[in-house]
Amino acid sequence: QVQLVESGGGLVQPGGSLRLSCAASGSIFSINAMGWYRQAPGKQRELVATITSSDSTNYADSVKGRFTISRDNARNTVYLEMNSLKPENTAVYYCNADLGVAGPKDVAYLEVWGQGTLVTVSS
């Protein structure tokens, strides 16, 4: 069984910063792309940022220059550093990963989601 566990969400004032973490655990053979998505109340889930196994990154236009995605392959963990937060960044943030999962005879490639962590930006 493989799972992603997010942490680091919470309440922050406008202009503040938060750092989200997402750790993958289980019978992991390989981790390809990892990313962060968010879903605000009443809205669809949207891409925030992704990072490939070669550290190539991609950001939503609305977060460029304020958010930074990074990963620690030794810890199977992806991070999202969020600065200059705005009220409109309030959402549940979800971690996503494309994983190779080791089975008894072969490797299965899966897309896995975390349970989400709530970020609230409010004064």
N, C-alpha and C. Protein backbone atom coordinates (compact mmCIF):
# COMPACT_ATOMS: atom_id res chain seq x y z
N GLN A 1 0.85 -1.19 0.00
CA GLN A 1 0.00 0.00 0.00
C GLN A 1 0.88 1.24 0.00
N VAL A 2 0.50 2.22 -0.80
CA VAL A 2 1.26 3.45 -0.90
C VAL A 2 0.36 4.60 -0.49
N GLN A 3 0.91 5.56 0.22
CA GLN A 3 0.13 6.73 0.58
C GLN A 3 0.98 7.98 0.58
N LEU A 4 0.29 9.11 0.40
CA LEU A 4 0.90 10.42 0.50
C LEU A 4 0.28 11.13 1.71
N VAL A 5 1.12 11.69 2.54
CA VAL A 5 0.62 12.37 3.73
C VAL A 5 1.13 13.80 3.72
N GLU A 6 0.18 14.75 3.66
CA GLU A 6 0.53 16.17 3.65
C GLU A 6 0.56 16.73 5.07
N SER A 7 1.31 17.78 5.25
CA SER A 7 1.34 18.51 6.51
C SER A 7 1.76 19.95 6.24
N GLY A 8 1.52 20.81 7.23
CA GLY A 8 1.99 22.19 7.13
C GLY A 8 0.92 23.21 6.87
N GLY A 9 -0.32 22.78 6.65
CA GLY A 9 -1.38 23.75 6.44
C GLY A 9 -1.74 24.46 7.72
N GLY A 10 -2.58 25.48 7.59
CA GLY A 10 -3.01 26.22 8.77
C GLY A 10 -3.52 27.59 8.41
N LEU A 11 -3.66 28.41 9.44
CA LEU A 11 -4.15 29.78 9.28
C LEU A 11 -2.96 30.74 9.23
N VAL A 12 -2.96 31.62 8.25
CA VAL A 12 -1.89 32.59 8.12
C VAL A 12 -2.49 33.92 7.67
N GLN A 13 -1.87 35.00 8.09
CA GLN A 13 -2.35 36.32 7.70
C GLN A 13 -1.91 36.65 6.27
N PRO A 14 -2.64 37.51 5.60
CA PRO A 14 -2.22 37.95 4.26
C PRO A 14 -0.79 38.50 4.30
N GLY A 15 -0.02 38.10 3.29
CA GLY A 15 1.38 38.49 3.25
C GLY A 15 2.31 37.52 3.94
N GLY A 16 1.75 36.57 4.65
CA GLY A 16 2.55 35.60 5.39
C GLY A 16 3.02 34.44 4.52
N SER A 17 3.66 33.48 5.18
CA SER A 17 4.25 32.34 4.49
C SER A 17 3.86 31.03 5.18
N LEU A 18 3.84 29.98 4.39
CA LEU A 18 3.65 28.63 4.89
C LEU A 18 4.48 27.68 4.05
N ARG A 19 4.86 26.57 4.65
CA ARG A 19 5.57 25.52 3.92
C ARG A 19 4.82 24.22 4.08
N LEU A 20 4.35 23.69 2.95
CA LEU A 20 3.67 22.40 2.96
C LEU A 20 4.66 21.28 2.65
N SER A 21 4.42 20.14 3.26
CA SER A 21 5.24 18.95 2.99
C SER A 21 4.33 17.80 2.62
N CYS A 22 4.84 16.90 1.82
CA CYS A 22 4.10 15.70 1.43
C CYS A 22 5.09 14.56 1.34
N ALA A 23 4.88 13.56 2.18
CA ALA A 23 5.78 12.40 2.22
C ALA A 23 5.08 11.18 1.66
N ALA A 24 5.76 10.50 0.77
CA ALA A 24 5.24 9.25 0.20
C ALA A 24 5.83 8.08 0.97
N SER A 25 4.99 7.09 1.24
CA SER A 25 5.46 5.91 1.96
C SER A 25 4.82 4.66 1.38
N GLY A 26 5.46 3.52 1.65
CA GLY A 26 4.95 2.25 1.15
C GLY A 26 5.99 1.58 0.27
N SER A 27 5.53 0.64 -0.54
CA SER A 27 6.43 -0.14 -1.40
C SER A 27 6.72 0.63 -2.69
N ILE A 28 7.49 1.70 -2.52
CA ILE A 28 7.76 2.59 -3.64
C ILE A 28 8.99 2.13 -4.40
N PHE A 29 8.81 1.89 -5.69
CA PHE A 29 9.93 1.53 -6.55
C PHE A 29 10.56 2.77 -7.16
N SER A 30 9.71 3.72 -7.56
CA SER A 30 10.21 4.96 -8.16
C SER A 30 9.15 6.05 -8.01
N ILE A 31 9.61 7.29 -8.02
CA ILE A 31 8.70 8.44 -8.00
C ILE A 31 9.04 9.31 -9.19
N ASN A 32 8.09 9.53 -10.04
CA ASN A 32 8.30 10.36 -11.22
C ASN A 32 7.87 11.79 -10.88
N ALA A 33 6.90 12.31 -11.53
CA ALA A 33 6.45 13.67 -11.24
C ALA A 33 5.69 13.72 -9.92
N MET A 34 5.87 14.83 -9.22
CA MET A 34 5.09 15.13 -8.02
C MET A 34 4.53 16.53 -8.17
N GLY A 35 3.46 16.80 -7.47
CA GLY A 35 2.86 18.12 -7.63
C GLY A 35 1.91 18.49 -6.53
N TRP A 36 1.51 19.74 -6.57
CA TRP A 36 0.52 20.27 -5.65
C TRP A 36 -0.65 20.84 -6.45
N TYR A 37 -1.84 20.55 -5.98
CA TYR A 37 -3.07 21.07 -6.54
C TYR A 37 -3.86 21.67 -5.39
N ARG A 38 -4.86 22.47 -5.73
CA ARG A 38 -5.70 23.05 -4.67
C ARG A 38 -7.13 23.15 -5.14
N GLN A 39 -8.01 23.15 -4.16
CA GLN A 39 -9.44 23.31 -4.45
C GLN A 39 -10.03 24.27 -3.44
N ALA A 40 -10.47 25.39 -3.94
CA ALA A 40 -11.12 26.40 -3.11
C ALA A 40 -12.61 26.08 -3.03
N PRO A 41 -13.29 26.58 -2.01
CA PRO A 41 -14.74 26.31 -1.88
C PRO A 41 -15.49 26.73 -3.13
N GLY A 42 -16.30 25.81 -3.63
CA GLY A 42 -17.12 26.12 -4.79
C GLY A 42 -16.40 26.14 -6.12
N LYS A 43 -15.12 25.75 -6.12
CA LYS A 43 -14.33 25.77 -7.35
C LYS A 43 -13.76 24.39 -7.65
N GLN A 44 -13.32 24.23 -8.89
CA GLN A 44 -12.70 22.97 -9.29
C GLN A 44 -11.26 22.90 -8.80
N ARG A 45 -10.76 21.69 -8.68
CA ARG A 45 -9.37 21.50 -8.31
C ARG A 45 -8.49 22.02 -9.44
N GLU A 46 -7.41 22.72 -9.07
CA GLU A 46 -6.54 23.30 -10.07
C GLU A 46 -5.08 23.03 -9.74
N LEU A 47 -4.26 23.04 -10.78
CA LEU A 47 -2.83 22.85 -10.63
C LEU A 47 -2.20 24.06 -9.94
N VAL A 48 -1.31 23.78 -9.00
CA VAL A 48 -0.51 24.84 -8.39
C VAL A 48 0.92 24.77 -8.92
N ALA A 49 1.54 23.60 -8.78
CA ALA A 49 2.93 23.44 -9.23
C ALA A 49 3.25 21.97 -9.36
N THR A 50 4.16 21.65 -10.29
CA THR A 50 4.65 20.28 -10.43
C THR A 50 6.16 20.29 -10.54
N ILE A 51 6.75 19.14 -10.23
CA ILE A 51 8.19 18.97 -10.35
C ILE A 51 8.47 17.55 -10.84
N THR A 52 9.33 17.43 -11.84
CA THR A 52 9.65 16.12 -12.39
C THR A 52 10.80 15.48 -11.62
N SER A 53 11.11 14.26 -11.99
CA SER A 53 12.21 13.54 -11.34
C SER A 53 13.55 14.20 -11.64
N SER A 54 13.61 15.00 -12.69
CA SER A 54 14.84 15.72 -13.01
C SER A 54 14.78 17.17 -12.54
N ASP A 55 13.83 17.46 -11.64
CA ASP A 55 13.69 18.78 -11.01
C ASP A 55 13.23 19.88 -11.96
N SER A 56 12.61 19.53 -13.05
CA SER A 56 11.99 20.52 -13.90
C SER A 56 10.65 20.93 -13.27
N THR A 57 10.41 22.22 -13.16
CA THR A 57 9.23 22.70 -12.45
C THR A 57 8.27 23.43 -13.39
N ASN A 58 7.01 23.47 -12.95
CA ASN A 58 5.96 24.16 -13.68
C ASN A 58 5.02 24.77 -12.65
N TYR A 59 4.61 26.02 -12.89
CA TYR A 59 3.76 26.73 -11.93
C TYR A 59 2.54 27.32 -12.61
N ALA A 60 1.45 27.40 -11.86
CA ALA A 60 0.31 28.19 -12.31
C ALA A 60 0.74 29.65 -12.36
N ASP A 61 0.22 30.38 -13.32
CA ASP A 61 0.61 31.79 -13.46
C ASP A 61 0.35 32.59 -12.20
N SER A 62 -0.72 32.24 -11.49
CA SER A 62 -1.12 33.02 -10.33
C SER A 62 -0.15 32.89 -9.14
N VAL A 63 0.73 31.88 -9.17
CA VAL A 63 1.63 31.68 -8.04
C VAL A 63 3.10 31.90 -8.41
N LYS A 64 3.37 32.13 -9.68
CA LYS A 64 4.76 32.31 -10.11
C LYS A 64 5.40 33.47 -9.36
N GLY A 65 6.61 33.24 -8.88
CA GLY A 65 7.34 34.26 -8.15
C GLY A 65 7.02 34.29 -6.66
N ARG A 66 5.96 33.59 -6.24
CA ARG A 66 5.60 33.57 -4.81
C ARG A 66 5.73 32.17 -4.20
N PHE A 67 5.45 31.14 -5.00
CA PHE A 67 5.50 29.76 -4.52
C PHE A 67 6.70 29.06 -5.14
N THR A 68 7.28 28.15 -4.37
CA THR A 68 8.41 27.35 -4.85
C THR A 68 8.18 25.89 -4.50
N ILE A 69 8.25 25.03 -5.51
CA ILE A 69 8.14 23.59 -5.28
C ILE A 69 9.53 22.98 -5.31
N SER A 70 9.75 22.02 -4.43
CA SER A 70 11.04 21.32 -4.39
C SER A 70 10.80 19.89 -3.90
N ARG A 71 11.80 19.04 -4.04
CA ARG A 71 11.64 17.66 -3.60
C ARG A 71 12.94 17.15 -3.01
N ASP A 72 12.79 16.19 -2.10
CA ASP A 72 13.92 15.50 -1.50
C ASP A 72 13.73 14.02 -1.82
N ASN A 73 14.46 13.55 -2.80
CA ASN A 73 14.26 12.18 -3.27
C ASN A 73 14.66 11.15 -2.22
N ALA A 74 15.62 11.49 -1.39
CA ALA A 74 16.04 10.56 -0.34
C ALA A 74 14.94 10.34 0.69
N ARG A 75 14.10 11.35 0.86
CA ARG A 75 13.00 11.27 1.83
C ARG A 75 11.64 11.03 1.17
N ASN A 76 11.63 10.88 -0.16
CA ASN A 76 10.37 10.69 -0.90
C ASN A 76 9.37 11.80 -0.55
N THR A 77 9.85 13.02 -0.50
CA THR A 77 9.05 14.14 -0.02
C THR A 77 9.10 15.30 -1.01
N VAL A 78 7.94 15.93 -1.17
CA VAL A 78 7.85 17.15 -1.98
C VAL A 78 7.37 18.27 -1.08
N TYR A 79 7.87 19.46 -1.34
CA TYR A 79 7.55 20.63 -0.53
C TYR A 79 6.93 21.73 -1.40
N LEU A 80 6.16 22.59 -0.76
CA LEU A 80 5.65 23.78 -1.42
C LEU A 80 5.85 24.96 -0.47
N GLU A 81 6.79 25.81 -0.81
CA GLU A 81 7.04 27.02 -0.03
C GLU A 81 6.14 28.12 -0.60
N MET A 82 5.28 28.68 0.25
CA MET A 82 4.32 29.68 -0.20
C MET A 82 4.59 30.99 0.51
N ASN A 83 4.90 32.02 -0.24
CA ASN A 83 5.17 33.35 0.30
C ASN A 83 4.16 34.36 -0.22
N SER A 84 4.10 35.49 0.45
CA SER A 84 3.19 36.59 0.05
C SER A 84 1.78 36.05 -0.19
N LEU A 85 1.29 35.29 0.77
CA LEU A 85 -0.01 34.65 0.61
C LEU A 85 -1.13 35.67 0.58
N LYS A 86 -2.16 35.34 -0.21
CA LYS A 86 -3.32 36.20 -0.39
C LYS A 86 -4.57 35.45 0.04
N PRO A 87 -5.62 36.18 0.40
CA PRO A 87 -6.87 35.49 0.79
C PRO A 87 -7.37 34.52 -0.29
N GLU A 88 -7.15 34.87 -1.55
CA GLU A 88 -7.63 34.00 -2.62
C GLU A 88 -6.82 32.70 -2.74
N ASN A 89 -5.74 32.56 -1.98
CA ASN A 89 -4.99 31.31 -1.93
C ASN A 89 -5.59 30.31 -0.94
N THR A 90 -6.65 30.73 -0.24
CA THR A 90 -7.33 29.84 0.68
C THR A 90 -7.93 28.66 -0.07
N ALA A 91 -7.57 27.46 0.36
CA ALA A 91 -8.02 26.25 -0.34
C ALA A 91 -7.52 25.03 0.43
N VAL A 92 -8.03 23.88 0.04
CA VAL A 92 -7.43 22.62 0.45
C VAL A 92 -6.36 22.28 -0.59
N TYR A 93 -5.16 22.05 -0.12
CA TYR A 93 -4.02 21.75 -1.00
C TYR A 93 -3.77 20.25 -0.98
N TYR A 94 -3.71 19.69 -2.17
CA TYR A 94 -3.53 18.25 -2.33
C TYR A 94 -2.19 17.95 -2.98
N CYS A 95 -1.54 16.93 -2.46
CA CYS A 95 -0.31 16.42 -3.04
C CYS A 95 -0.66 15.31 -4.04
N ASN A 96 0.12 15.24 -5.10
CA ASN A 96 -0.10 14.24 -6.15
C ASN A 96 1.25 13.67 -6.57
N ALA A 97 1.27 12.39 -6.88
CA ALA A 97 2.52 11.79 -7.32
C ALA A 97 2.26 10.65 -8.30
N ASP A 98 3.13 10.54 -9.29
CA ASP A 98 3.14 9.39 -10.19
C ASP A 98 4.21 8.43 -9.68
N LEU A 99 3.76 7.27 -9.20
CA LEU A 99 4.65 6.35 -8.50
C LEU A 99 4.76 5.02 -9.22
N GLY A 100 5.93 4.42 -9.09
CA GLY A 100 6.10 3.02 -9.42
C GLY A 100 6.04 2.24 -8.12
N VAL A 101 5.11 1.29 -8.03
CA VAL A 101 4.91 0.55 -6.80
C VAL A 101 5.37 -0.89 -7.02
N ALA A 102 6.25 -1.34 -6.16
CA ALA A 102 6.83 -2.68 -6.31
C ALA A 102 5.84 -3.74 -5.86
N GLY A 103 5.55 -4.67 -6.76
CA GLY A 103 4.71 -5.81 -6.43
C GLY A 103 5.56 -7.07 -6.31
N PRO A 104 4.92 -8.20 -6.08
CA PRO A 104 5.68 -9.45 -5.92
C PRO A 104 6.45 -9.85 -7.17
N LYS A 105 5.91 -9.46 -8.36
CA LYS A 105 6.58 -9.89 -9.59
C LYS A 105 6.92 -8.74 -10.52
N ASP A 106 6.24 -7.61 -10.36
CA ASP A 106 6.49 -6.52 -11.30
C ASP A 106 6.23 -5.19 -10.61
N VAL A 107 6.28 -4.14 -11.39
CA VAL A 107 6.07 -2.79 -10.88
C VAL A 107 4.80 -2.22 -11.51
N ALA A 108 3.93 -1.70 -10.69
CA ALA A 108 2.72 -1.04 -11.17
C ALA A 108 2.89 0.46 -11.05
N TYR A 109 2.45 1.16 -12.08
CA TYR A 109 2.58 2.62 -12.07
C TYR A 109 1.22 3.23 -11.79
N LEU A 110 1.18 4.05 -10.74
CA LEU A 110 -0.06 4.61 -10.24
C LEU A 110 0.04 6.11 -10.07
N GLU A 111 -1.12 6.76 -10.13
CA GLU A 111 -1.23 8.15 -9.72
C GLU A 111 -1.90 8.15 -8.35
N VAL A 112 -1.26 8.77 -7.38
CA VAL A 112 -1.73 8.75 -6.00
C VAL A 112 -1.96 10.17 -5.50
N TRP A 113 -3.02 10.34 -4.72
CA TRP A 113 -3.36 11.63 -4.13
C TRP A 113 -3.28 11.56 -2.61
N GLY A 114 -2.89 12.66 -2.01
CA GLY A 114 -2.96 12.78 -0.57
C GLY A 114 -4.36 13.17 -0.13
N GLN A 115 -4.54 13.27 1.18
CA GLN A 115 -5.87 13.56 1.72
C GLN A 115 -6.18 15.05 1.76
N GLY A 116 -5.16 15.87 1.56
CA GLY A 116 -5.36 17.32 1.53
C GLY A 116 -5.05 17.97 2.86
N THR A 117 -4.58 19.21 2.77
CA THR A 117 -4.33 20.01 3.97
C THR A 117 -4.89 21.41 3.72
N LEU A 118 -5.59 21.94 4.71
CA LEU A 118 -6.30 23.21 4.53
C LEU A 118 -5.36 24.39 4.80
N VAL A 119 -5.34 25.31 3.87
CA VAL A 119 -4.63 26.58 4.03
C VAL A 119 -5.65 27.70 4.04
N THR A 120 -5.65 28.47 5.11
CA THR A 120 -6.57 29.60 5.23
C THR A 120 -5.77 30.87 5.37
N VAL A 121 -6.00 31.81 4.47
CA VAL A 121 -5.30 33.10 4.51
C VAL A 121 -6.32 34.16 4.88
N SER A 122 -6.19 34.67 6.09
CA SER A 122 -7.19 35.60 6.60
C SER A 122 -6.60 36.43 7.73
N SER A 123 -7.08 37.65 7.84
CA SER A 123 -6.64 38.50 8.95
C SER A 123 -7.62 38.39 10.12
